[in-house]
PDB file of all heavy atoms in Angstrom:
ATOM      1  N   PRO A   1       0.793  -1.233   0.000  1.00  0.00           N
ATOM      2  CA  PRO A   1       0.000   0.000   0.000  1.00  0.00           C
ATOM      3  C   PRO A   1       0.824   1.281   0.000  1.00  0.00           C
ATOM      4  O   PRO A   1       0.556   2.201  -0.777  1.00  0.00           O
ATOM      5  CB  PRO A   1      -0.857  -0.103   1.269  1.00  0.00           C
ATOM      6  CG  PRO A   1      -0.685  -1.445   1.804  1.00  0.00           C
ATOM      7  CD  PRO A   1       0.411  -2.141   1.083  1.00  0.00           C
ATOM      8  N   ALA A   2       1.815   1.382   0.890  1.00  0.00           N
ATOM      9  CA  ALA A   2       2.590   2.618   0.961  1.00  0.00           C
ATOM     10  C   ALA A   2       3.375   2.852  -0.319  1.00  0.00           C
ATOM     11  O   ALA A   2       3.433   3.969  -0.835  1.00  0.00           O
ATOM     12  CB  ALA A   2       3.543   2.570   2.163  1.00  0.00           C
ATOM     13  N   LEU A   3       3.958   1.804  -0.853  1.00  0.00           N
ATOM     14  CA  LEU A   3       4.722   1.937  -2.089  1.00  0.00           C
ATOM     15  C   LEU A   3       3.809   2.349  -3.242  1.00  0.00           C
ATOM     16  O   LEU A   3       4.176   3.167  -4.093  1.00  0.00           O
ATOM     17  CB  LEU A   3       5.428   0.617  -2.407  1.00  0.00           C
ATOM     18  CG  LEU A   3       6.432   0.617  -3.559  1.00  0.00           C
ATOM     19  CD1 LEU A   3       7.523   1.648  -3.340  1.00  0.00           C
ATOM     20  CD2 LEU A   3       7.038  -0.774  -3.732  1.00  0.00           C
ATOM     21  N   ALA A   4       2.606   1.801  -3.260  1.00  0.00           N
ATOM     22  CA  ALA A   4       1.643   2.161  -4.299  1.00  0.00           C
ATOM     23  C   ALA A   4       1.238   3.625  -4.178  1.00  0.00           C
ATOM     24  O   ALA A   4       1.262   4.386  -5.145  1.00  0.00           O
ATOM     25  CB  ALA A   4       0.419   1.255  -4.217  1.00  0.00           C
ATOM     26  N   GLN A   5       0.884   4.049  -2.970  1.00  0.00           N
ATOM     27  CA  GLN A   5       0.367   5.403  -2.777  1.00  0.00           C
ATOM     28  C   GLN A   5       1.433   6.474  -2.976  1.00  0.00           C
ATOM     29  O   GLN A   5       1.183   7.518  -3.588  1.00  0.00           O
ATOM     30  CB  GLN A   5      -0.226   5.528  -1.378  1.00  0.00           C
ATOM     31  CG  GLN A   5      -1.469   4.682  -1.153  1.00  0.00           C
ATOM     32  CD  GLN A   5      -1.887   4.662   0.313  1.00  0.00           C
ATOM     33  OE1 GLN A   5      -1.622   5.592   1.048  1.00  0.00           O
ATOM     34  NE2 GLN A   5      -2.521   3.575   0.736  1.00  0.00           N
ATOM     35  N   ALA A   6       2.640   6.221  -2.462  1.00  0.00           N
ATOM     36  CA  ALA A   6       3.663   7.264  -2.468  1.00  0.00           C
ATOM     37  C   ALA A   6       4.519   7.269  -3.727  1.00  0.00           C
ATOM     38  O   ALA A   6       5.209   8.247  -3.987  1.00  0.00           O
ATOM     39  CB  ALA A   6       4.576   7.097  -1.245  1.00  0.00           C
ATOM     40  N   PHE A   7       4.458   6.188  -4.524  1.00  0.00           N
ATOM     41  CA  PHE A   7       5.350   6.151  -5.678  1.00  0.00           C
ATOM     42  C   PHE A   7       4.709   5.568  -6.932  1.00  0.00           C
ATOM     43  O   PHE A   7       4.753   6.171  -8.006  1.00  0.00           O
ATOM     44  CB  PHE A   7       6.611   5.352  -5.333  1.00  0.00           C
ATOM     45  CG  PHE A   7       7.623   5.335  -6.439  1.00  0.00           C
ATOM     46  CD1 PHE A   7       8.447   6.425  -6.655  1.00  0.00           C
ATOM     47  CD2 PHE A   7       7.748   4.235  -7.273  1.00  0.00           C
ATOM     48  CE1 PHE A   7       9.380   6.427  -7.688  1.00  0.00           C
ATOM     49  CE2 PHE A   7       8.666   4.218  -8.308  1.00  0.00           C
ATOM     50  CZ  PHE A   7       9.481   5.324  -8.522  1.00  0.00           C
ATOM     51  N   VAL A   8       4.098   4.393  -6.823  1.00  0.00           N
ATOM     52  CA  VAL A   8       3.694   3.657  -8.023  1.00  0.00           C
ATOM     53  C   VAL A   8       2.530   4.316  -8.749  1.00  0.00           C
ATOM     54  O   VAL A   8       2.535   4.425  -9.982  1.00  0.00           O
ATOM     55  CB  VAL A   8       3.356   2.187  -7.673  1.00  0.00           C
ATOM     56  CG1 VAL A   8       2.809   1.451  -8.893  1.00  0.00           C
ATOM     57  CG2 VAL A   8       4.598   1.475  -7.138  1.00  0.00           C
ATOM     58  N   ILE A   9       1.511   4.766  -8.020  1.00  0.00           N
ATOM     59  CA  ILE A   9       0.300   5.281  -8.665  1.00  0.00           C
ATOM     60  C   ILE A   9       0.616   6.398  -9.651  1.00  0.00           C
ATOM     61  O   ILE A   9       0.167   6.383 -10.809  1.00  0.00           O
ATOM     62  CB  ILE A   9      -0.720   5.765  -7.615  1.00  0.00           C
ATOM     63  CG1 ILE A   9      -1.304   4.578  -6.849  1.00  0.00           C
ATOM     64  CG2 ILE A   9      -1.848   6.548  -8.285  1.00  0.00           C
ATOM     65  CD1 ILE A   9      -2.230   4.975  -5.715  1.00  0.00           C
ATOM     66  N   GLY A  10       1.375   7.379  -9.219  1.00  0.00           N
ATOM     67  CA  GLY A  10       1.666   8.513 -10.084  1.00  0.00           C
ATOM     68  C   GLY A  10       2.402   8.133 -11.349  1.00  0.00           C
ATOM     69  O   GLY A  10       2.183   8.725 -12.413  1.00  0.00           O
ATOM     70  N   ARG A  11       3.277   7.135 -11.248  1.00  0.00           N
ATOM     71  CA  ARG A  11       4.039   6.710 -12.425  1.00  0.00           C
ATOM     72  C   ARG A  11       3.241   5.761 -13.309  1.00  0.00           C
ATOM     73  O   ARG A  11       3.317   5.824 -14.536  1.00  0.00           O
ATOM     74  CB  ARG A  11       5.326   6.015 -12.001  1.00  0.00           C
ATOM     75  CG  ARG A  11       6.486   6.935 -11.634  1.00  0.00           C
ATOM     76  CD  ARG A  11       6.350   7.490 -10.251  1.00  0.00           C
ATOM     77  NE  ARG A  11       7.522   8.294  -9.867  1.00  0.00           N
ATOM     78  CZ  ARG A  11       7.609   8.949  -8.722  1.00  0.00           C
ATOM     79  NH1 ARG A  11       6.597   8.928  -7.858  1.00  0.00           N
ATOM     80  NH2 ARG A  11       8.696   9.652  -8.436  1.00  0.00           N
ATOM     81  N   LEU A  12       2.459   4.895 -12.692  1.00  0.00           N
ATOM     82  CA  LEU A  12       1.724   3.894 -13.460  1.00  0.00           C
ATOM     83  C   LEU A  12       0.534   4.489 -14.196  1.00  0.00           C
ATOM     84  O   LEU A  12       0.155   4.029 -15.281  1.00  0.00           O
ATOM     85  CB  LEU A  12       1.251   2.786 -12.511  1.00  0.00           C
ATOM     86  CG  LEU A  12       0.948   1.414 -13.108  1.00  0.00           C
ATOM     87  CD1 LEU A  12       2.114   0.897 -13.936  1.00  0.00           C
ATOM     88  CD2 LEU A  12       0.619   0.434 -11.995  1.00  0.00           C
ATOM     89  N   ALA A  13      -0.047   5.539 -13.627  1.00  0.00           N
ATOM     90  CA  ALA A  13      -1.223   6.161 -14.248  1.00  0.00           C
ATOM     91  C   ALA A  13      -0.887   6.862 -15.561  1.00  0.00           C
ATOM     92  O   ALA A  13      -1.795   7.236 -16.315  1.00  0.00           O
ATOM     93  CB  ALA A  13      -1.855   7.151 -13.271  1.00  0.00           C
ATOM     94  N   GLU A  14       0.401   7.014 -15.866  1.00  0.00           N
ATOM     95  CA  GLU A  14       0.797   7.622 -17.135  1.00  0.00           C
ATOM     96  C   GLU A  14       0.516   6.689 -18.322  1.00  0.00           C
ATOM     97  O   GLU A  14       0.322   7.162 -19.450  1.00  0.00           O
ATOM     98  CB  GLU A  14       2.300   7.925 -17.123  1.00  0.00           C
ATOM     99  CG  GLU A  14       2.759   8.838 -16.008  1.00  0.00           C
ATOM    100  CD  GLU A  14       4.284   8.871 -15.908  1.00  0.00           C
ATOM    101  OE1 GLU A  14       4.941   8.142 -16.693  1.00  0.00           O
ATOM    102  OE2 GLU A  14       4.819   9.613 -15.059  1.00  0.00           O
ATOM    103  N   LEU A  15       0.508   5.381 -18.078  1.00  0.00           N
ATOM    104  CA  LEU A  15       0.501   4.418 -19.180  1.00  0.00           C
ATOM    105  C   LEU A  15      -0.773   4.428 -20.032  1.00  0.00           C
ATOM    106  O   LEU A  15      -0.680   4.383 -21.260  1.00  0.00           O
ATOM    107  CB  LEU A  15       0.765   3.007 -18.646  1.00  0.00           C
ATOM    108  CG  LEU A  15       2.235   2.654 -18.433  1.00  0.00           C
ATOM    109  CD1 LEU A  15       2.365   1.245 -17.885  1.00  0.00           C
ATOM    110  CD2 LEU A  15       3.012   2.785 -19.724  1.00  0.00           C
ATOM    111  N   PRO A  16      -1.983   4.434 -19.434  1.00  0.00           N
ATOM    112  CA  PRO A  16      -3.171   4.430 -20.301  1.00  0.00           C
ATOM    113  C   PRO A  16      -3.225   5.609 -21.266  1.00  0.00           C
ATOM    114  O   PRO A  16      -3.768   5.490 -22.373  1.00  0.00           O
ATOM    115  CB  PRO A  16      -4.330   4.461 -19.289  1.00  0.00           C
ATOM    116  CG  PRO A  16      -3.779   3.832 -18.062  1.00  0.00           C
ATOM    117  CD  PRO A  16      -2.352   4.289 -18.009  1.00  0.00           C
ATOM    118  N   GLY A  17      -2.670   6.758 -20.867  1.00  0.00           N
ATOM    119  CA  GLY A  17      -2.628   7.893 -21.777  1.00  0.00           C
ATOM    120  C   GLY A  17      -1.690   7.664 -22.943  1.00  0.00           C
ATOM    121  O   GLY A  17      -1.940   8.115 -24.064  1.00  0.00           O
ATOM    122  N   ARG A  18      -0.613   6.955 -22.693  1.00  0.00           N
ATOM    123  CA  ARG A  18       0.347   6.662 -23.759  1.00  0.00           C
ATOM    124  C   ARG A  18      -0.143   5.532 -24.669  1.00  0.00           C
ATOM    125  O   ARG A  18       0.178   5.486 -25.852  1.00  0.00           O
ATOM    126  CB  ARG A  18       1.690   6.248 -23.158  1.00  0.00           C
ATOM    127  CG  ARG A  18       2.375   7.329 -22.357  1.00  0.00           C
ATOM    128  CD  ARG A  18       3.712   6.807 -21.855  1.00  0.00           C
ATOM    129  NE  ARG A  18       4.344   7.731 -20.919  1.00  0.00           N
ATOM    130  CZ  ARG A  18       5.475   7.466 -20.293  1.00  0.00           C
ATOM    131  NH1 ARG A  18       6.105   6.320 -20.504  1.00  0.00           N
ATOM    132  NH2 ARG A  18       5.992   8.357 -19.455  1.00  0.00           N
ATOM    133  N   HIS A  19      -0.884   4.595 -24.079  1.00  0.00           N
ATOM    134  CA  HIS A  19      -1.371   3.428 -24.822  1.00  0.00           C
ATOM    135  C   HIS A  19      -2.890   3.345 -24.628  1.00  0.00           C
ATOM    136  O   HIS A  19      -3.364   2.741 -23.651  1.00  0.00           O
ATOM    137  CB  HIS A  19      -0.705   2.146 -24.325  1.00  0.00           C
ATOM    138  CG  HIS A  19       0.794   2.198 -24.342  1.00  0.00           C
ATOM    139  ND1 HIS A  19       1.523   2.089 -25.500  1.00  0.00           N
ATOM    140  CD2 HIS A  19       1.691   2.355 -23.330  1.00  0.00           C
ATOM    141  CE1 HIS A  19       2.812   2.162 -25.212  1.00  0.00           C
ATOM    142  NE2 HIS A  19       2.941   2.331 -23.911  1.00  0.00           N
ATOM    143  N   PRO A  20      -3.674   3.955 -25.500  1.00  0.00           N
ATOM    144  CA  PRO A  20      -5.123   4.051 -25.298  1.00  0.00           C
ATOM    145  C   PRO A  20      -5.844   2.712 -25.139  1.00  0.00           C
ATOM    146  O   PRO A  20      -6.922   2.673 -24.561  1.00  0.00           O
ATOM    147  CB  PRO A  20      -5.592   4.790 -26.559  1.00  0.00           C
ATOM    148  CG  PRO A  20      -4.400   5.572 -26.999  1.00  0.00           C
ATOM    149  CD  PRO A  20      -3.211   4.722 -26.674  1.00  0.00           C
ATOM    150  N   GLY A  21      -5.261   1.627 -25.632  1.00  0.00           N
ATOM    151  CA  GLY A  21      -5.921   0.331 -25.493  1.00  0.00           C
ATOM    152  C   GLY A  21      -5.525  -0.423 -24.242  1.00  0.00           C
ATOM    153  O   GLY A  21      -6.007  -1.537 -24.007  1.00  0.00           O
ATOM    154  N   LEU A  22      -4.654   0.156 -23.426  1.00  0.00           N
ATOM    155  CA  LEU A  22      -4.125  -0.525 -22.245  1.00  0.00           C
ATOM    156  C   LEU A  22      -4.845  -0.052 -20.988  1.00  0.00           C
ATOM    157  O   LEU A  22      -4.954   1.145 -20.732  1.00  0.00           O
ATOM    158  CB  LEU A  22      -2.624  -0.244 -22.126  1.00  0.00           C
ATOM    159  CG  LEU A  22      -1.885  -0.925 -20.966  1.00  0.00           C
ATOM    160  CD1 LEU A  22      -1.893  -2.440 -21.130  1.00  0.00           C
ATOM    161  CD2 LEU A  22      -0.446  -0.406 -20.892  1.00  0.00           C
ATOM    162  N   ASP A  23      -5.346  -0.999 -20.195  1.00  0.00           N
ATOM    163  CA  ASP A  23      -6.001  -0.690 -18.922  1.00  0.00           C
ATOM    164  C   ASP A  23      -5.164  -1.272 -17.790  1.00  0.00           C
ATOM    165  O   ASP A  23      -4.622  -2.382 -17.910  1.00  0.00           O
ATOM    166  CB  ASP A  23      -7.410  -1.282 -18.870  1.00  0.00           C
ATOM    167  CG  ASP A  23      -8.309  -0.722 -19.960  1.00  0.00           C
ATOM    168  OD1 ASP A  23      -8.143   0.462 -20.312  1.00  0.00           O
ATOM    169  OD2 ASP A  23      -9.160  -1.475 -20.467  1.00  0.00           O
ATOM    170  N   VAL A  24      -5.073  -0.541 -16.670  1.00  0.00           N
ATOM    171  CA  VAL A  24      -4.276  -0.982 -15.529  1.00  0.00           C
ATOM    172  C   VAL A  24      -5.162  -1.046 -14.294  1.00  0.00           C
ATOM    173  O   VAL A  24      -5.931  -0.122 -14.014  1.00  0.00           O
ATOM    174  CB  VAL A  24      -3.094  -0.025 -15.269  1.00  0.00           C
ATOM    175  CG1 VAL A  24      -2.320  -0.466 -14.027  1.00  0.00           C
ATOM    176  CG2 VAL A  24      -2.167   0.027 -16.482  1.00  0.00           C
ATOM    177  N   ASP A  25      -5.056  -2.148 -13.579  1.00  0.00           N
ATOM    178  CA  ASP A  25      -5.773  -2.348 -12.312  1.00  0.00           C
ATOM    179  C   ASP A  25      -4.713  -2.489 -11.227  1.00  0.00           C
ATOM    180  O   ASP A  25      -3.961  -3.458 -11.207  1.00  0.00           O
ATOM    181  CB  ASP A  25      -6.636  -3.612 -12.398  1.00  0.00           C
ATOM    182  CG  ASP A  25      -7.444  -3.867 -11.128  1.00  0.00           C
ATOM    183  OD1 ASP A  25      -7.019  -3.431 -10.044  1.00  0.00           O
ATOM    184  OD2 ASP A  25      -8.491  -4.530 -11.216  1.00  0.00           O
ATOM    185  N   LEU A  26      -4.615  -1.489 -10.335  1.00  0.00           N
ATOM    186  CA  LEU A  26      -3.622  -1.515  -9.263  1.00  0.00           C
ATOM    187  C   LEU A  26      -4.295  -1.856  -7.950  1.00  0.00           C
ATOM    188  O   LEU A  26      -5.176  -1.131  -7.491  1.00  0.00           O
ATOM    189  CB  LEU A  26      -2.901  -0.169  -9.159  1.00  0.00           C
ATOM    190  CG  LEU A  26      -1.891  -0.042  -8.013  1.00  0.00           C
ATOM    191  CD1 LEU A  26      -0.760  -1.044  -8.165  1.00  0.00           C
ATOM    192  CD2 LEU A  26      -1.350   1.379  -7.930  1.00  0.00           C
ATOM    193  N   ALA A  27      -3.883  -2.960  -7.350  1.00  0.00           N
ATOM    194  CA  ALA A  27      -4.400  -3.378  -6.050  1.00  0.00           C
ATOM    195  C   ALA A  27      -3.267  -3.314  -5.038  1.00  0.00           C
ATOM    196  O   ALA A  27      -2.098  -3.502  -5.379  1.00  0.00           O
ATOM    197  CB  ALA A  27      -4.961  -4.798  -6.119  1.00  0.00           C
ATOM    198  N   THR A  28      -3.611  -3.023  -3.796  1.00  0.00           N
ATOM    199  CA  THR A  28      -2.597  -2.923  -2.753  1.00  0.00           C
ATOM    200  C   THR A  28      -2.925  -3.879  -1.624  1.00  0.00           C
ATOM    201  O   THR A  28      -4.085  -4.072  -1.265  1.00  0.00           O
ATOM    202  CB  THR A  28      -2.503  -1.492  -2.194  1.00  0.00           C
ATOM    203  OG1 THR A  28      -3.738  -1.156  -1.557  1.00  0.00           O
ATOM    204  CG2 THR A  28      -2.227  -0.501  -3.308  1.00  0.00           C
ATOM    205  N   ASP A  29      -1.895  -4.471  -1.077  1.00  0.00           N
ATOM    206  CA  ASP A  29      -2.068  -5.399   0.035  1.00  0.00           C
ATOM    207  C   ASP A  29      -0.741  -5.539   0.751  1.00  0.00           C
ATOM    208  O   ASP A  29       0.302  -5.677   0.111  1.00  0.00           O
ATOM    209  CB  ASP A  29      -2.533  -6.769  -0.462  1.00  0.00           C
ATOM    210  CG  ASP A  29      -3.235  -7.569   0.618  1.00  0.00           C
ATOM    211  OD1 ASP A  29      -2.647  -7.708   1.704  1.00  0.00           O
ATOM    212  OD2 ASP A  29      -4.356  -8.053   0.383  1.00  0.00           O
ATOM    213  N   LEU A  30      -0.777  -5.514   2.091  1.00  0.00           N
ATOM    214  CA  LEU A  30       0.452  -5.735   2.851  1.00  0.00           C
ATOM    215  C   LEU A  30       0.932  -7.165   2.703  1.00  0.00           C
ATOM    216  O   LEU A  30       2.118  -7.453   2.793  1.00  0.00           O
ATOM    217  CB  LEU A  30       0.216  -5.433   4.339  1.00  0.00           C
ATOM    218  CG  LEU A  30       0.291  -3.952   4.743  1.00  0.00           C
ATOM    219  CD1 LEU A  30      -0.146  -3.793   6.186  1.00  0.00           C
ATOM    220  CD2 LEU A  30       1.687  -3.408   4.561  1.00  0.00           C
ATOM    221  N   ARG A  31      -0.007  -8.085   2.501  1.00  0.00           N
ATOM    222  CA  ARG A  31       0.359  -9.495   2.355  1.00  0.00           C
ATOM    223  C   ARG A  31       0.425  -9.843   0.870  1.00  0.00           C
ATOM    224  O   ARG A  31      -0.316  -9.304   0.048  1.00  0.00           O
ATOM    225  CB  ARG A  31      -0.689 -10.390   3.041  1.00  0.00           C
ATOM    226  CG  ARG A  31      -1.079  -9.914   4.431  1.00  0.00           C
ATOM    227  CD  ARG A  31       0.057 -10.044   5.426  1.00  0.00           C
ATOM    228  NE  ARG A  31      -0.266  -9.419   6.700  1.00  0.00           N
ATOM    229  CZ  ARG A  31       0.474  -9.526   7.790  1.00  0.00           C
ATOM    230  NH1 ARG A  31       1.595 -10.232   7.760  1.00  0.00           N
ATOM    231  NH2 ARG A  31       0.124  -8.913   8.906  1.00  0.00           N
ATOM    232  N   ALA A  32       1.291 -10.763   0.535  1.00  0.00           N
ATOM    233  CA  ALA A  32       1.487 -11.132  -0.865  1.00  0.00           C
ATOM    234  C   ALA A  32       0.235 -11.809  -1.422  1.00  0.00           C
ATOM    235  O   ALA A  32      -0.375 -12.651  -0.763  1.00  0.00           O
ATOM    236  CB  ALA A  32       2.685 -12.065  -0.992  1.00  0.00           C
ATOM    237  N   VAL A  33      -0.164 -11.438  -2.632  1.00  0.00           N
ATOM    238  CA  VAL A  33      -1.228 -12.145  -3.326  1.00  0.00           C
ATOM    239  C   VAL A  33      -0.588 -13.082  -4.343  1.00  0.00           C
ATOM    240  O   VAL A  33       0.572 -12.945  -4.703  1.00  0.00           O
ATOM    241  CB  VAL A  33      -2.200 -11.181  -4.041  1.00  0.00           C
ATOM    242  CG1 VAL A  33      -2.814 -10.220  -3.045  1.00  0.00           C
ATOM    243  CG2 VAL A  33      -1.500 -10.432  -5.158  1.00  0.00           C
ATOM    244  N   SER A  34      -1.363 -14.051  -4.786  1.00  0.00           N
ATOM    245  CA  SER A  34      -0.815 -15.111  -5.614  1.00  0.00           C
ATOM    246  C   SER A  34      -0.811 -14.747  -7.098  1.00  0.00           C
ATOM    247  O   SER A  34      -1.856 -14.512  -7.688  1.00  0.00           O
ATOM    248  CB  SER A  34      -1.622 -16.408  -5.409  1.00  0.00           C
ATOM    249  OG  SER A  34      -1.175 -17.413  -6.291  1.00  0.00           O
ATOM    250  N   LEU A  35       0.380 -14.722  -7.684  1.00  0.00           N
ATOM    251  CA  LEU A  35       0.490 -14.633  -9.135  1.00  0.00           C
ATOM    252  C   LEU A  35       0.058 -15.948  -9.759  1.00  0.00           C
ATOM    253  O   LEU A  35      -0.571 -15.973 -10.813  1.00  0.00           O
ATOM    254  CB  LEU A  35       1.932 -14.333  -9.542  1.00  0.00           C
ATOM    255  CG  LEU A  35       2.461 -12.917  -9.359  1.00  0.00           C
ATOM    256  CD1 LEU A  35       3.926 -12.874  -9.757  1.00  0.00           C
ATOM    257  CD2 LEU A  35       1.681 -11.927 -10.179  1.00  0.00           C
ATOM    258  N   ASP A  36       0.417 -17.046  -9.110  1.00  0.00           N
ATOM    259  CA  ASP A  36       0.130 -18.362  -9.658  1.00  0.00           C
ATOM    260  C   ASP A  36      -1.371 -18.592  -9.799  1.00  0.00           C
ATOM    261  O   ASP A  36      -1.816 -19.276 -10.714  1.00  0.00           O
ATOM    262  CB  ASP A  36       0.755 -19.442  -8.770  1.00  0.00           C
ATOM    263  CG  ASP A  36       0.781 -20.796  -9.446  1.00  0.00           C
ATOM    264  OD1 ASP A  36       1.187 -20.862 -10.620  1.00  0.00           O
ATOM    265  OD2 ASP A  36       0.377 -21.787  -8.811  1.00  0.00           O
ATOM    266  N   ARG A  37      -2.140 -18.007  -8.899  1.00  0.00           N
ATOM    267  CA  ARG A  37      -3.601 -18.161  -8.968  1.00  0.00           C
ATOM    268  C   ARG A  37      -4.252 -17.057  -9.790  1.00  0.00           C
ATOM    269  O   ARG A  37      -5.463 -16.884  -9.769  1.00  0.00           O
ATOM    270  CB  ARG A  37      -4.188 -18.181  -7.550  1.00  0.00           C
ATOM    271  CG  ARG A  37      -3.717 -19.387  -6.743  1.00  0.00           C
ATOM    272  CD  ARG A  37      -4.317 -19.413  -5.361  1.00  0.00           C
ATOM    273  NE  ARG A  37      -3.784 -20.528  -4.589  1.00  0.00           N
ATOM    274  CZ  ARG A  37      -4.124 -20.811  -3.329  1.00  0.00           C
ATOM    275  NH1 ARG A  37      -5.008 -20.033  -2.711  1.00  0.00           N
ATOM    276  NH2 ARG A  37      -3.599 -21.833  -2.703  1.00  0.00           N
ATOM    277  N   HIS A  38      -3.436 -16.282 -10.481  1.00  0.00           N
ATOM    278  CA  HIS A  38      -3.901 -15.246 -11.410  1.00  0.00           C
ATOM    279  C   HIS A  38      -4.701 -14.150 -10.708  1.00  0.00           C
ATOM    280  O   HIS A  38      -5.600 -13.557 -11.300  1.00  0.00           O
ATOM    281  CB  HIS A  38      -4.724 -15.872 -12.539  1.00  0.00           C
ATOM    282  CG  HIS A  38      -3.870 -16.575 -13.547  1.00  0.00           C
ATOM    283  ND1 HIS A  38      -3.931 -16.307 -14.892  1.00  0.00           N
ATOM    284  CD2 HIS A  38      -2.910 -17.518 -13.405  1.00  0.00           C
ATOM    285  CE1 HIS A  38      -3.065 -17.075 -15.540  1.00  0.00           C
ATOM    286  NE2 HIS A  38      -2.430 -17.813 -14.650  1.00  0.00           N
ATOM    287  N   LYS A  39      -4.348 -13.860  -9.443  1.00  0.00           N
ATOM    288  CA  LYS A  39      -4.954 -12.712  -8.780  1.00  0.00           C
ATOM    289  C   LYS A  39      -4.270 -11.424  -9.196  1.00  0.00           C
ATOM    290  O   LYS A  39      -4.771 -10.330  -8.928  1.00  0.00           O
ATOM    291  CB  LYS A  39      -4.895 -12.891  -7.259  1.00  0.00           C
ATOM    292  CG  LYS A  39      -5.779 -14.032  -6.756  1.00  0.00           C
ATOM    293  CD  LYS A  39      -5.760 -14.110  -5.250  1.00  0.00           C
ATOM    294  CE  LYS A  39      -6.696 -15.203  -4.749  1.00  0.00           C
ATOM    295  NZ  LYS A  39      -6.682 -15.311  -3.270  1.00  0.00           N
ATOM    296  N   ALA A  40      -3.090 -11.542  -9.795  1.00  0.00           N
ATOM    297  CA  ALA A  40      -2.365 -10.392 -10.337  1.00  0.00           C
ATOM    298  C   ALA A  40      -1.504 -10.885 -11.489  1.00  0.00           C
ATOM    299  O   ALA A  40      -1.175 -12.071 -11.578  1.00  0.00           O
ATOM    300  CB  ALA A  40      -1.500  -9.740  -9.257  1.00  0.00           C
ATOM    301  N   ASP A  41      -1.154  -9.963 -12.379  1.00  0.00           N
ATOM    302  CA  ASP A  41      -0.257 -10.285 -13.493  1.00  0.00           C
ATOM    303  C   ASP A  41       1.173  -9.852 -13.197  1.00  0.00           C
ATOM    304  O   ASP A  41       2.129 -10.465 -13.674  1.00  0.00           O
ATOM    305  CB  ASP A  41      -0.737  -9.589 -14.773  1.00  0.00           C
ATOM    306  CG  ASP A  41      -2.147  -9.986 -15.148  1.00  0.00           C
ATOM    307  OD1 ASP A  41      -2.402 -11.190 -15.285  1.00  0.00           O
ATOM    308  OD2 ASP A  41      -3.003  -9.085 -15.291  1.00  0.00           O
ATOM    309  N   ILE A  42       1.301  -8.777 -12.435  1.00  0.00           N
ATOM    310  CA  ILE A  42       2.603  -8.248 -12.035  1.00  0.00           C
ATOM    311  C   ILE A  42       2.538  -7.991 -10.532  1.00  0.00           C
ATOM    312  O   ILE A  42       1.559  -7.449 -10.036  1.00  0.00           O
ATOM    313  CB  ILE A  42       2.931  -6.935 -12.767  1.00  0.00           C
ATOM    314  CG1 ILE A  42       3.040  -7.155 -14.275  1.00  0.00           C
ATOM    315  CG2 ILE A  42       4.219  -6.315 -12.226  1.00  0.00           C
ATOM    316  CD1 ILE A  42       3.187  -5.873 -15.077  1.00  0.00           C
TER     317      ILE A  42
END
């Protein structure tokens, strides 16, 4: 959460403007979520 709020959001939100067909879903969690279970891509 802190990394997302203080750093990632501002930088990541630039991408949809550069790539009109690209959508980004940013989720925050102190505990790790599973990539293997496809809860996140990155």
